[in-house]
Every structure is written in C-alpha cells, then in structure tokens.
C-alpha cells in the first residue's frame, strides 16, 4: 500500500522485453537504499516488485497484464517516473490509501497556469469517473491528488508548485497518457451497497 506522496523521481536506465513482459531498470538512489528484493515499489502508480537492487539501481518485471492496464508499455530509456516505496507501520499517511493497482489510463486534456500552480484536466474512462467526486481523492501517475472539478468526460486537479517540482506532473502536456487509480474506499462502498 502507498499514500501517493512521491518523494523521488527515478530515471529509466533500460527497458528489455521479450513479448511476455518487460524488465525495467530504474536509477532511483533514495528508494534503492531503502528497499530490498521482494519489496513493493510504485512506479507511476503501478505497484511492482523489486527483483534486483544494487548501486542505486532497481529492476522490476512488468507482465502483460500490467502493461495492458497502464502506460508502462511505452517506456523508454531516459524517461522519468514517480517513485514511492510502500508504506511501513508508523509512516505518516499524508495522501490517501493508494494500492498501486491502476484502474485505467487517462489522457491529459489541458494544462492551464493558475497563479504559481496549474490546473490539469484529465479525460478518464467511466471505470474511474464513476468513483470520482469533487474534493475526493484520485491518484494520477501515483500522485495523490484532490479532484477540483468534474464534467461528463473527466476531472480537473489543481497542482501546487511543490507537486509540480517534486513529481513528473510538472512536465505533463495535452495528449499525455497517465495512470489513474480511483479511491479504493469508493469501490468498497459500491460493492457493499450492491450486496445489500
């Protein structure tokens, strides 16, 4: 489990694939120093297992299921990713509960300056939008954000300067594909209501 509070960006060193998935090698010195083989790490919102860890570089395997549900399929060397280690007992929960299970890929509709920050509109499929509420939580590329506005095709988030600088969201442009995860609490409420 994660909180969506990203403290490090990693840079893809290499991507190797064989048709049955890919192996991602990521330069992420801060996270690499704190994790071991078998640990869970979120890469742009995708929970992946560390399969190698040495000298500030981590390696992960992404299988076809992960690739078909996320934007990781198009990764190339040099790309920057949001990196977050799994929450440990006693860690502050500053964002919201993020599982690292991407629900869908959205597309950035627009990016507009708002004072020192930016308002970003993301077009999202119904499997995400159905769980979105104004002032509710959503994870975009693994970053915990508050929904500022909704329409029939997507949602807007208002990004502060710190988020723009600390995460890859500051580089987003219209047309960019982003991993989306709806708030898991909304999914549980829906399921409980259906059962009754």
N, C-alpha and C. Protein backbone atom coordinates (compact mmCIF):
# COMPACT_ATOMS: atom_id res chain seq x y z
N UNK A 1 0.85 -1.18 0.00
CA UNK A 1 0.00 0.00 0.00
C UNK A 1 0.89 1.24 0.00
N UNK A 2 0.37 2.30 -0.60
CA UNK A 2 1.11 3.55 -0.75
C UNK A 2 0.21 4.71 -0.30
N UNK A 3 0.78 5.90 -0.24
CA UNK A 3 0.00 7.08 0.14
C UNK A 3 -0.14 8.07 -1.00
N UNK A 4 0.63 7.90 -2.07
CA UNK A 4 0.59 8.85 -3.18
C UNK A 4 1.41 10.10 -2.92
N UNK A 5 2.24 10.08 -1.87
CA UNK A 5 3.14 11.18 -1.59
C UNK A 5 4.50 10.80 -2.18
N UNK A 6 4.82 11.36 -3.34
CA UNK A 6 6.02 10.99 -4.08
C UNK A 6 7.19 11.84 -3.59
N UNK A 7 8.26 11.18 -3.18
CA UNK A 7 9.44 11.88 -2.68
C UNK A 7 10.65 11.74 -3.60
N UNK A 8 10.50 10.95 -4.67
CA UNK A 8 11.62 10.76 -5.57
C UNK A 8 11.13 10.51 -6.99
N UNK A 9 11.90 11.03 -7.93
CA UNK A 9 11.69 10.68 -9.33
C UNK A 9 12.88 9.82 -9.74
N UNK A 10 12.59 8.74 -10.45
CA UNK A 10 13.66 7.88 -10.95
C UNK A 10 13.76 8.02 -12.45
N UNK A 11 14.91 7.64 -12.99
CA UNK A 11 15.12 7.70 -14.43
C UNK A 11 15.33 6.29 -14.96
N UNK A 12 14.58 5.95 -16.01
CA UNK A 12 14.68 4.62 -16.61
C UNK A 12 16.06 4.47 -17.25
N UNK A 13 16.80 3.44 -16.80
CA UNK A 13 18.12 3.15 -17.36
C UNK A 13 17.98 2.28 -18.60
N UNK A 14 17.05 1.31 -18.55
CA UNK A 14 16.83 0.45 -19.72
C UNK A 14 15.49 -0.25 -19.59
N UNK A 15 14.98 -0.66 -20.75
CA UNK A 15 13.76 -1.47 -20.81
C UNK A 15 14.06 -2.62 -21.75
N UNK A 16 13.91 -3.83 -21.26
CA UNK A 16 14.15 -5.02 -22.07
C UNK A 16 12.85 -5.82 -22.13
N UNK A 17 12.48 -6.29 -23.32
CA UNK A 17 11.26 -7.05 -23.47
C UNK A 17 11.43 -8.25 -24.35
N UNK A 18 10.55 -9.24 -24.11
CA UNK A 18 10.61 -10.46 -24.92
C UNK A 18 9.24 -10.91 -25.40
N UNK A 19 8.24 -10.05 -25.35
CA UNK A 19 6.89 -10.43 -25.75
C UNK A 19 6.05 -10.95 -24.61
N UNK A 20 6.70 -11.36 -23.51
CA UNK A 20 5.97 -11.84 -22.32
C UNK A 20 6.07 -10.84 -21.18
N UNK A 21 6.42 -9.62 -21.49
CA UNK A 21 6.56 -8.60 -20.48
C UNK A 21 7.84 -7.83 -20.70
N UNK A 22 8.17 -6.97 -19.74
CA UNK A 22 9.39 -6.17 -19.84
C UNK A 22 10.11 -6.18 -18.50
N UNK A 23 11.39 -5.93 -18.53
CA UNK A 23 12.17 -5.68 -17.32
C UNK A 23 12.60 -4.22 -17.38
N UNK A 24 12.26 -3.50 -16.32
CA UNK A 24 12.58 -2.08 -16.22
C UNK A 24 13.74 -1.92 -15.24
N UNK A 25 14.80 -1.27 -15.67
CA UNK A 25 15.90 -0.91 -14.78
C UNK A 25 15.80 0.58 -14.53
N UNK A 26 15.77 0.94 -13.25
CA UNK A 26 15.48 2.32 -12.86
C UNK A 26 16.56 2.84 -11.93
N UNK A 27 17.13 3.98 -12.26
CA UNK A 27 18.05 4.66 -11.36
C UNK A 27 17.23 5.48 -10.38
N UNK A 28 17.23 5.05 -9.11
CA UNK A 28 16.46 5.71 -8.05
C UNK A 28 17.23 5.54 -6.74
N UNK A 29 18.29 6.31 -6.54
CA UNK A 29 19.19 6.09 -5.40
C UNK A 29 18.53 6.13 -4.03
N UNK A 30 17.60 7.07 -3.79
CA UNK A 30 16.97 7.17 -2.47
C UNK A 30 16.16 5.93 -2.15
N UNK A 31 15.33 5.50 -3.10
CA UNK A 31 14.49 4.34 -2.87
C UNK A 31 15.33 3.07 -2.83
N UNK A 32 16.33 2.97 -3.71
CA UNK A 32 17.17 1.78 -3.76
C UNK A 32 17.88 1.54 -2.42
N UNK A 33 18.21 2.61 -1.73
CA UNK A 33 18.89 2.47 -0.44
C UNK A 33 17.95 1.96 0.65
N UNK A 34 16.65 2.09 0.43
CA UNK A 34 15.68 1.75 1.47
C UNK A 34 14.89 0.48 1.21
N UNK A 35 15.08 -0.17 0.06
CA UNK A 35 14.29 -1.35 -0.25
C UNK A 35 15.18 -2.55 -0.52
N UNK A 36 14.55 -3.72 -0.52
CA UNK A 36 15.26 -4.97 -0.79
C UNK A 36 14.49 -5.76 -1.84
N UNK A 37 15.13 -6.77 -2.37
CA UNK A 37 14.47 -7.66 -3.34
C UNK A 37 13.20 -8.22 -2.70
N UNK A 38 12.11 -8.17 -3.44
CA UNK A 38 10.82 -8.63 -2.95
C UNK A 38 9.92 -7.53 -2.44
N UNK A 39 10.47 -6.33 -2.20
CA UNK A 39 9.66 -5.21 -1.73
C UNK A 39 8.80 -4.65 -2.85
N UNK A 40 7.71 -4.01 -2.47
CA UNK A 40 6.83 -3.34 -3.43
C UNK A 40 7.22 -1.88 -3.56
N UNK A 41 7.24 -1.40 -4.80
CA UNK A 41 7.54 -0.01 -5.10
C UNK A 41 6.54 0.45 -6.15
N UNK A 42 6.04 1.67 -6.03
CA UNK A 42 5.13 2.22 -7.01
C UNK A 42 5.93 3.01 -8.05
N UNK A 43 5.75 2.63 -9.32
CA UNK A 43 6.34 3.37 -10.44
C UNK A 43 5.19 3.98 -11.23
N UNK A 44 5.07 5.29 -11.20
CA UNK A 44 3.96 6.00 -11.86
C UNK A 44 2.62 5.38 -11.50
N UNK A 45 2.50 4.95 -10.24
CA UNK A 45 1.23 4.41 -9.76
C UNK A 45 1.05 2.93 -9.92
N UNK A 46 2.02 2.23 -10.50
CA UNK A 46 1.93 0.77 -10.68
C UNK A 46 2.75 0.10 -9.59
N UNK A 47 2.11 -0.74 -8.79
CA UNK A 47 2.81 -1.49 -7.77
C UNK A 47 3.60 -2.62 -8.43
N UNK A 48 4.93 -2.56 -8.31
CA UNK A 48 5.80 -3.58 -8.89
C UNK A 48 6.73 -4.11 -7.81
N UNK A 49 7.22 -5.33 -8.02
CA UNK A 49 8.11 -5.99 -7.06
C UNK A 49 9.56 -5.81 -7.48
N UNK A 50 10.40 -5.44 -6.53
CA UNK A 50 11.83 -5.29 -6.79
C UNK A 50 12.43 -6.68 -7.02
N UNK A 51 13.07 -6.88 -8.18
CA UNK A 51 13.71 -8.17 -8.48
C UNK A 51 15.24 -8.07 -8.46
N UNK A 52 15.76 -6.85 -8.50
CA UNK A 52 17.20 -6.60 -8.35
C UNK A 52 17.36 -5.24 -7.69
N UNK A 53 18.37 -5.14 -6.82
CA UNK A 53 18.65 -3.85 -6.17
C UNK A 53 20.15 -3.77 -5.91
N UNK A 54 20.82 -2.83 -6.57
CA UNK A 54 22.26 -2.67 -6.37
C UNK A 54 22.71 -1.31 -6.90
N UNK A 55 23.59 -0.66 -6.14
CA UNK A 55 24.26 0.57 -6.59
C UNK A 55 23.29 1.66 -7.07
N UNK A 56 22.19 1.85 -6.36
CA UNK A 56 21.25 2.91 -6.71
C UNK A 56 20.32 2.59 -7.86
N UNK A 57 20.38 1.35 -8.36
CA UNK A 57 19.51 0.94 -9.47
C UNK A 57 18.61 -0.20 -9.03
N UNK A 58 17.36 -0.13 -9.44
CA UNK A 58 16.37 -1.16 -9.14
C UNK A 58 15.90 -1.78 -10.44
N UNK A 59 15.48 -3.04 -10.38
CA UNK A 59 14.89 -3.69 -11.55
C UNK A 59 13.55 -4.28 -11.16
N UNK A 60 12.62 -4.23 -12.12
CA UNK A 60 11.25 -4.71 -11.93
C UNK A 60 10.82 -5.46 -13.18
N UNK A 61 9.99 -6.47 -13.01
CA UNK A 61 9.37 -7.15 -14.14
C UNK A 61 7.92 -6.69 -14.24
N UNK A 62 7.51 -6.32 -15.43
CA UNK A 62 6.11 -5.94 -15.69
C UNK A 62 5.55 -6.94 -16.69
N UNK A 63 4.53 -7.68 -16.28
CA UNK A 63 3.93 -8.72 -17.11
C UNK A 63 2.86 -8.13 -18.03
N UNK A 64 2.40 -8.89 -19.04
CA UNK A 64 1.41 -8.36 -19.98
C UNK A 64 0.17 -7.76 -19.32
N UNK A 65 -0.31 -8.33 -18.22
CA UNK A 65 -1.48 -7.77 -17.53
C UNK A 65 -1.21 -6.34 -17.08
N UNK A 66 -0.06 -6.09 -16.50
CA UNK A 66 0.31 -4.74 -16.06
C UNK A 66 0.45 -3.80 -17.25
N UNK A 67 1.09 -4.27 -18.29
CA UNK A 67 1.32 -3.43 -19.46
C UNK A 67 0.01 -3.06 -20.15
N UNK A 68 -0.96 -3.99 -20.18
CA UNK A 68 -2.22 -3.72 -20.86
C UNK A 68 -3.11 -2.74 -20.10
N UNK A 69 -2.86 -2.57 -18.81
CA UNK A 69 -3.70 -1.70 -17.98
C UNK A 69 -3.02 -0.39 -17.57
N UNK A 70 -1.81 -0.15 -18.08
CA UNK A 70 -1.08 1.04 -17.64
C UNK A 70 -0.35 1.68 -18.81
N UNK A 71 0.32 2.77 -18.51
CA UNK A 71 1.11 3.45 -19.54
C UNK A 71 2.56 2.98 -19.56
N UNK A 72 2.90 1.96 -18.79
CA UNK A 72 4.29 1.48 -18.74
C UNK A 72 4.76 0.87 -20.05
N UNK A 73 3.83 0.40 -20.86
CA UNK A 73 4.20 -0.27 -22.10
C UNK A 73 5.06 0.61 -23.00
N UNK A 74 4.85 1.90 -22.98
CA UNK A 74 5.58 2.79 -23.87
C UNK A 74 6.86 3.36 -23.27
N UNK A 75 7.34 2.79 -22.16
CA UNK A 75 8.55 3.33 -21.52
C UNK A 75 9.78 3.20 -22.40
N UNK A 76 10.66 4.17 -22.27
CA UNK A 76 11.95 4.13 -22.98
C UNK A 76 13.02 4.65 -22.03
N UNK A 77 14.25 4.28 -22.30
CA UNK A 77 15.38 4.76 -21.50
C UNK A 77 15.37 6.28 -21.46
N UNK A 78 15.64 6.81 -20.28
CA UNK A 78 15.67 8.26 -20.09
C UNK A 78 14.39 8.83 -19.51
N UNK A 79 13.29 8.08 -19.60
CA UNK A 79 12.01 8.58 -19.07
C UNK A 79 12.09 8.73 -17.55
N UNK A 80 11.43 9.76 -17.03
CA UNK A 80 11.35 9.94 -15.59
C UNK A 80 10.04 9.36 -15.07
N UNK A 81 10.10 8.74 -13.90
CA UNK A 81 8.92 8.14 -13.28
C UNK A 81 8.81 8.60 -11.83
N UNK A 82 7.57 8.70 -11.35
CA UNK A 82 7.33 8.95 -9.93
C UNK A 82 7.58 7.64 -9.19
N UNK A 83 8.35 7.70 -8.10
CA UNK A 83 8.73 6.51 -7.35
C UNK A 83 8.30 6.68 -5.89
N UNK A 84 7.64 5.65 -5.35
CA UNK A 84 7.25 5.66 -3.94
C UNK A 84 7.41 4.27 -3.37
N UNK A 85 8.11 4.18 -2.24
CA UNK A 85 8.22 2.92 -1.51
C UNK A 85 6.90 2.64 -0.79
N UNK A 86 6.65 1.38 -0.51
CA UNK A 86 5.44 1.01 0.22
C UNK A 86 5.46 1.60 1.63
N UNK A 87 4.27 1.87 2.15
CA UNK A 87 4.12 2.41 3.50
C UNK A 87 4.57 1.36 4.51
N UNK A 88 5.28 1.82 5.51
CA UNK A 88 5.67 0.94 6.61
C UNK A 88 4.90 1.39 7.86
N UNK A 89 4.67 0.45 8.78
CA UNK A 89 3.96 0.77 10.02
C UNK A 89 4.64 1.97 10.68
N UNK A 90 3.84 2.95 11.03
CA UNK A 90 4.36 4.16 11.69
C UNK A 90 4.64 5.30 10.74
N UNK A 91 4.65 5.05 9.41
CA UNK A 91 4.86 6.13 8.44
C UNK A 91 3.65 7.06 8.44
N UNK A 92 3.86 8.36 8.21
CA UNK A 92 2.71 9.27 8.11
C UNK A 92 1.88 8.95 6.86
N UNK A 93 0.59 9.08 6.98
CA UNK A 93 -0.32 8.86 5.85
C UNK A 93 -0.78 10.22 5.34
N UNK A 94 0.07 10.88 4.57
CA UNK A 94 -0.20 12.24 4.14
C UNK A 94 -1.13 12.36 2.95
N UNK A 95 -1.26 11.32 2.13
CA UNK A 95 -2.11 11.40 0.94
C UNK A 95 -3.42 10.67 1.19
N UNK A 96 -3.64 9.57 0.45
CA UNK A 96 -4.78 8.70 0.70
C UNK A 96 -4.33 7.27 0.42
N UNK A 97 -5.16 6.29 0.74
CA UNK A 97 -4.79 4.89 0.51
C UNK A 97 -4.70 4.64 -1.00
N UNK A 98 -3.50 4.32 -1.46
CA UNK A 98 -3.27 4.03 -2.88
C UNK A 98 -2.73 2.61 -2.95
N UNK A 99 -3.39 1.76 -3.73
CA UNK A 99 -2.98 0.37 -3.80
C UNK A 99 -1.88 0.11 -4.82
N UNK A 100 -1.77 0.99 -5.81
CA UNK A 100 -0.82 0.73 -6.89
C UNK A 100 -1.43 -0.19 -7.94
N UNK A 101 -2.75 -0.31 -7.91
CA UNK A 101 -3.49 -1.11 -8.89
C UNK A 101 -4.17 -0.14 -9.85
N UNK A 102 -3.56 0.08 -10.98
CA UNK A 102 -4.06 1.07 -11.94
C UNK A 102 -5.41 0.62 -12.49
N UNK A 103 -6.40 1.51 -12.42
CA UNK A 103 -7.75 1.20 -12.93
C UNK A 103 -7.84 1.42 -14.43
N UNK A 104 -7.16 2.44 -14.92
CA UNK A 104 -7.26 2.78 -16.35
C UNK A 104 -6.21 3.82 -16.68
N UNK A 105 -6.03 4.05 -17.96
CA UNK A 105 -5.15 5.10 -18.44
C UNK A 105 -6.03 6.26 -18.92
N UNK A 106 -5.70 7.46 -18.46
CA UNK A 106 -6.41 8.66 -18.89
C UNK A 106 -5.53 9.48 -19.82
N UNK A 107 -6.13 10.53 -20.40
CA UNK A 107 -5.40 11.40 -21.30
C UNK A 107 -5.53 12.85 -20.83
N UNK A 108 -4.41 13.55 -20.76
CA UNK A 108 -4.44 14.96 -20.35
C UNK A 108 -5.15 15.76 -21.43
N UNK A 109 -6.22 16.43 -21.05
CA UNK A 109 -6.99 17.27 -21.97
C UNK A 109 -6.38 18.67 -22.09
N UNK A 110 -6.03 19.25 -20.93
CA UNK A 110 -5.49 20.60 -20.95
C UNK A 110 -4.63 20.85 -19.72
N UNK A 111 -3.73 21.82 -19.87
CA UNK A 111 -2.87 22.27 -18.77
C UNK A 111 -2.92 23.79 -18.79
N UNK A 112 -3.39 24.39 -17.67
CA UNK A 112 -3.54 25.84 -17.61
C UNK A 112 -2.85 26.38 -16.37
N UNK A 113 -2.12 27.47 -16.53
CA UNK A 113 -1.49 28.13 -15.38
C UNK A 113 -2.58 28.70 -14.48
N UNK A 114 -2.36 28.58 -13.17
CA UNK A 114 -3.24 29.16 -12.15
C UNK A 114 -2.35 29.76 -11.07
N UNK A 115 -2.02 31.02 -11.23
CA UNK A 115 -1.08 31.63 -10.30
C UNK A 115 0.26 30.91 -10.40
N UNK A 116 0.78 30.44 -9.27
CA UNK A 116 2.05 29.71 -9.25
C UNK A 116 1.84 28.22 -9.58
N UNK A 117 0.60 27.78 -9.62
CA UNK A 117 0.30 26.37 -9.86
C UNK A 117 -0.27 26.14 -11.24
N UNK A 118 -0.88 24.97 -11.42
CA UNK A 118 -1.52 24.62 -12.69
C UNK A 118 -2.79 23.83 -12.44
N UNK A 119 -3.74 24.01 -13.33
CA UNK A 119 -4.96 23.19 -13.33
C UNK A 119 -4.84 22.25 -14.52
N UNK A 120 -4.93 20.96 -14.24
CA UNK A 120 -4.82 19.95 -15.28
C UNK A 120 -6.13 19.19 -15.38
N UNK A 121 -6.68 19.16 -16.59
CA UNK A 121 -7.88 18.37 -16.87
C UNK A 121 -7.45 17.03 -17.46
N UNK A 122 -8.02 15.96 -16.95
CA UNK A 122 -7.72 14.61 -17.43
C UNK A 122 -9.01 13.96 -17.90
N UNK A 123 -9.04 13.51 -19.15
CA UNK A 123 -10.17 12.71 -19.63
C UNK A 123 -9.98 11.29 -19.13
N UNK A 124 -11.02 10.75 -18.53
CA UNK A 124 -10.93 9.44 -17.88
C UNK A 124 -12.08 8.55 -18.29
N UNK A 125 -11.85 7.25 -18.41
CA UNK A 125 -12.94 6.33 -18.74
C UNK A 125 -13.91 6.19 -17.57
N UNK A 126 -15.09 5.71 -17.86
CA UNK A 126 -16.15 5.59 -16.86
C UNK A 126 -15.73 4.73 -15.67
N UNK A 127 -14.87 3.72 -15.87
CA UNK A 127 -14.49 2.87 -14.73
C UNK A 127 -13.72 3.65 -13.66
N UNK A 128 -13.24 4.84 -13.98
CA UNK A 128 -12.63 5.72 -12.99
C UNK A 128 -13.61 6.83 -12.60
N UNK A 129 -14.23 7.45 -13.59
CA UNK A 129 -15.12 8.59 -13.32
C UNK A 129 -16.27 8.24 -12.38
N UNK A 130 -16.76 7.03 -12.43
CA UNK A 130 -17.89 6.64 -11.57
C UNK A 130 -17.56 6.75 -10.10
N UNK A 131 -16.26 6.74 -9.75
CA UNK A 131 -15.84 6.84 -8.35
C UNK A 131 -15.33 8.23 -7.98
N UNK A 132 -15.37 9.15 -8.91
CA UNK A 132 -14.85 10.49 -8.66
C UNK A 132 -15.92 11.41 -8.10
N UNK A 133 -15.55 12.17 -7.09
CA UNK A 133 -16.41 13.20 -6.53
C UNK A 133 -15.56 14.44 -6.29
N UNK A 134 -16.20 15.60 -6.42
CA UNK A 134 -15.47 16.84 -6.16
C UNK A 134 -14.95 16.84 -4.73
N UNK A 135 -13.69 17.18 -4.57
CA UNK A 135 -12.95 17.18 -3.30
C UNK A 135 -12.61 15.77 -2.82
N UNK A 136 -12.87 14.77 -3.65
CA UNK A 136 -12.44 13.41 -3.35
C UNK A 136 -11.02 13.19 -3.84
N UNK A 137 -10.51 11.99 -3.60
CA UNK A 137 -9.13 11.67 -3.96
C UNK A 137 -9.04 10.84 -5.23
N UNK A 138 -7.93 11.03 -5.95
CA UNK A 138 -7.61 10.23 -7.12
C UNK A 138 -6.08 10.18 -7.21
N UNK A 139 -5.54 9.09 -7.72
CA UNK A 139 -4.10 9.01 -7.96
C UNK A 139 -3.84 9.15 -9.46
N UNK A 140 -2.98 10.10 -9.82
CA UNK A 140 -2.58 10.31 -11.21
C UNK A 140 -1.08 10.04 -11.29
N UNK A 141 -0.71 9.04 -12.06
CA UNK A 141 0.69 8.59 -12.13
C UNK A 141 1.27 8.39 -10.73
N UNK A 142 0.43 7.85 -9.83
CA UNK A 142 0.86 7.52 -8.48
C UNK A 142 0.84 8.65 -7.50
N UNK A 143 0.44 9.85 -7.91
CA UNK A 143 0.43 11.02 -7.03
C UNK A 143 -0.98 11.23 -6.48
N UNK A 144 -1.11 11.29 -5.16
CA UNK A 144 -2.39 11.53 -4.52
C UNK A 144 -2.81 12.98 -4.75
N UNK A 145 -3.99 13.15 -5.36
CA UNK A 145 -4.49 14.49 -5.68
C UNK A 145 -5.94 14.63 -5.28
N UNK A 146 -6.37 15.87 -5.11
CA UNK A 146 -7.76 16.19 -4.80
C UNK A 146 -8.45 16.64 -6.08
N UNK A 147 -9.62 16.08 -6.33
CA UNK A 147 -10.39 16.45 -7.52
C UNK A 147 -11.00 17.83 -7.29
N UNK A 148 -10.68 18.77 -8.18
CA UNK A 148 -11.17 20.14 -8.05
C UNK A 148 -12.47 20.37 -8.78
N UNK A 149 -12.70 19.60 -9.85
CA UNK A 149 -13.85 19.83 -10.71
C UNK A 149 -14.10 18.57 -11.53
N UNK A 150 -15.34 18.36 -11.91
CA UNK A 150 -15.73 17.21 -12.73
C UNK A 150 -16.59 17.65 -13.90
N UNK A 151 -16.52 16.94 -15.01
CA UNK A 151 -17.52 17.06 -16.07
C UNK A 151 -17.81 15.65 -16.58
N UNK A 152 -18.57 15.55 -17.66
CA UNK A 152 -19.00 14.23 -18.14
C UNK A 152 -17.86 13.40 -18.72
N UNK A 153 -16.72 14.00 -19.02
CA UNK A 153 -15.63 13.26 -19.65
C UNK A 153 -14.38 13.13 -18.78
N UNK A 154 -14.30 13.91 -17.69
CA UNK A 154 -13.08 13.84 -16.90
C UNK A 154 -13.13 14.67 -15.65
N UNK A 155 -11.95 14.93 -15.12
CA UNK A 155 -11.84 15.69 -13.88
C UNK A 155 -10.64 16.63 -13.97
N UNK A 156 -10.66 17.64 -13.10
CA UNK A 156 -9.56 18.60 -13.01
C UNK A 156 -8.90 18.48 -11.65
N UNK A 157 -7.58 18.67 -11.63
CA UNK A 157 -6.83 18.73 -10.39
C UNK A 157 -6.05 20.04 -10.39
N UNK A 158 -5.90 20.64 -9.22
CA UNK A 158 -5.15 21.88 -9.07
C UNK A 158 -3.82 21.53 -8.41
N UNK A 159 -2.71 21.77 -9.12
CA UNK A 159 -1.40 21.38 -8.62
C UNK A 159 -0.65 22.57 -8.05
N UNK A 160 -0.09 22.37 -6.86
CA UNK A 160 0.70 23.41 -6.22
C UNK A 160 2.14 23.34 -6.75
N UNK A 161 2.91 24.41 -6.58
CA UNK A 161 4.29 24.41 -7.09
C UNK A 161 5.14 23.25 -6.60
N UNK A 162 4.98 22.84 -5.33
CA UNK A 162 5.78 21.72 -4.81
C UNK A 162 5.51 20.45 -5.61
N UNK A 163 4.26 20.14 -5.86
CA UNK A 163 3.90 18.94 -6.62
C UNK A 163 4.46 19.02 -8.03
N UNK A 164 4.39 20.19 -8.64
CA UNK A 164 4.93 20.37 -9.99
C UNK A 164 6.44 20.12 -10.03
N UNK A 165 7.14 20.51 -8.97
CA UNK A 165 8.59 20.35 -8.93
C UNK A 165 9.03 18.96 -8.49
N UNK A 166 8.29 18.35 -7.56
CA UNK A 166 8.72 17.08 -6.97
C UNK A 166 8.30 15.85 -7.76
N UNK A 167 7.35 15.99 -8.65
CA UNK A 167 6.83 14.84 -9.40
C UNK A 167 6.95 15.10 -10.90
N UNK A 168 6.61 14.10 -11.68
CA UNK A 168 6.64 14.26 -13.14
C UNK A 168 5.42 15.01 -13.66
N UNK A 169 4.46 15.33 -12.79
CA UNK A 169 3.25 16.01 -13.25
C UNK A 169 3.54 17.40 -13.79
N UNK A 170 4.64 17.99 -13.38
CA UNK A 170 5.02 19.30 -13.89
C UNK A 170 5.42 19.29 -15.35
N UNK A 171 5.66 18.12 -15.91
CA UNK A 171 6.05 18.01 -17.32
C UNK A 171 4.89 17.62 -18.24
N UNK A 172 3.70 17.40 -17.66
CA UNK A 172 2.56 16.95 -18.47
C UNK A 172 2.13 18.00 -19.48
N UNK A 173 1.76 17.50 -20.66
CA UNK A 173 1.22 18.35 -21.72
C UNK A 173 -0.04 17.68 -22.27
N UNK A 174 -0.92 18.44 -22.95
CA UNK A 174 -2.11 17.83 -23.53
C UNK A 174 -1.74 16.63 -24.41
N UNK A 175 -2.53 15.57 -24.27
CA UNK A 175 -2.30 14.36 -25.04
C UNK A 175 -1.51 13.31 -24.29
N UNK A 176 -0.86 13.69 -23.18
CA UNK A 176 -0.07 12.73 -22.40
C UNK A 176 -0.99 11.68 -21.78
N UNK A 177 -0.49 10.44 -21.74
CA UNK A 177 -1.23 9.34 -21.11
C UNK A 177 -0.77 9.21 -19.65
N UNK A 178 -1.74 9.07 -18.74
CA UNK A 178 -1.43 8.98 -17.31
C UNK A 178 -2.17 7.80 -16.69
N UNK A 179 -1.51 7.16 -15.72
CA UNK A 179 -2.14 6.06 -14.98
C UNK A 179 -3.09 6.64 -13.94
N UNK A 180 -4.28 6.06 -13.85
CA UNK A 180 -5.30 6.53 -12.92
C UNK A 180 -5.70 5.42 -11.96
N UNK A 181 -5.85 5.77 -10.71
CA UNK A 181 -6.41 4.86 -9.71
C UNK A 181 -7.45 5.61 -8.89
N UNK A 182 -8.68 5.12 -8.93
CA UNK A 182 -9.75 5.72 -8.14
C UNK A 182 -9.57 5.35 -6.67
N UNK A 183 -10.18 6.12 -5.81
CA UNK A 183 -10.12 5.87 -4.37
C UNK A 183 -10.75 4.52 -4.05
N UNK A 184 -10.00 3.62 -3.45
CA UNK A 184 -10.47 2.26 -3.17
C UNK A 184 -11.67 2.27 -2.21
N UNK A 185 -11.78 3.26 -1.34
CA UNK A 185 -12.91 3.31 -0.41
C UNK A 185 -14.24 3.41 -1.16
N UNK A 186 -14.26 4.16 -2.25
CA UNK A 186 -15.49 4.27 -3.05
C UNK A 186 -15.86 2.92 -3.66
N UNK A 187 -14.88 2.13 -4.05
CA UNK A 187 -15.15 0.81 -4.64
C UNK A 187 -15.77 -0.12 -3.61
N UNK A 188 -15.25 -0.07 -2.36
CA UNK A 188 -15.81 -0.92 -1.31
C UNK A 188 -17.23 -0.52 -0.97
N UNK A 189 -17.51 0.78 -0.92
CA UNK A 189 -18.87 1.24 -0.64
C UNK A 189 -19.81 0.74 -1.71
N UNK A 190 -19.42 0.87 -2.98
CA UNK A 190 -20.26 0.39 -4.08
C UNK A 190 -20.56 -1.10 -3.94
N UNK A 191 -19.54 -1.88 -3.63
CA UNK A 191 -19.69 -3.33 -3.51
C UNK A 191 -20.62 -3.68 -2.35
N UNK A 192 -20.49 -3.00 -1.23
CA UNK A 192 -21.35 -3.26 -0.09
C UNK A 192 -22.81 -2.94 -0.40
N UNK A 193 -23.03 -1.83 -1.10
CA UNK A 193 -24.39 -1.45 -1.48
C UNK A 193 -24.99 -2.47 -2.44
N UNK A 194 -24.20 -2.95 -3.38
CA UNK A 194 -24.67 -3.96 -4.36
C UNK A 194 -25.09 -5.24 -3.65
N UNK A 195 -24.33 -5.66 -2.67
CA UNK A 195 -24.61 -6.91 -1.96
C UNK A 195 -25.93 -6.83 -1.22
N UNK A 196 -26.25 -5.66 -0.68
CA UNK A 196 -27.49 -5.48 0.07
C UNK A 196 -28.67 -5.45 -0.90
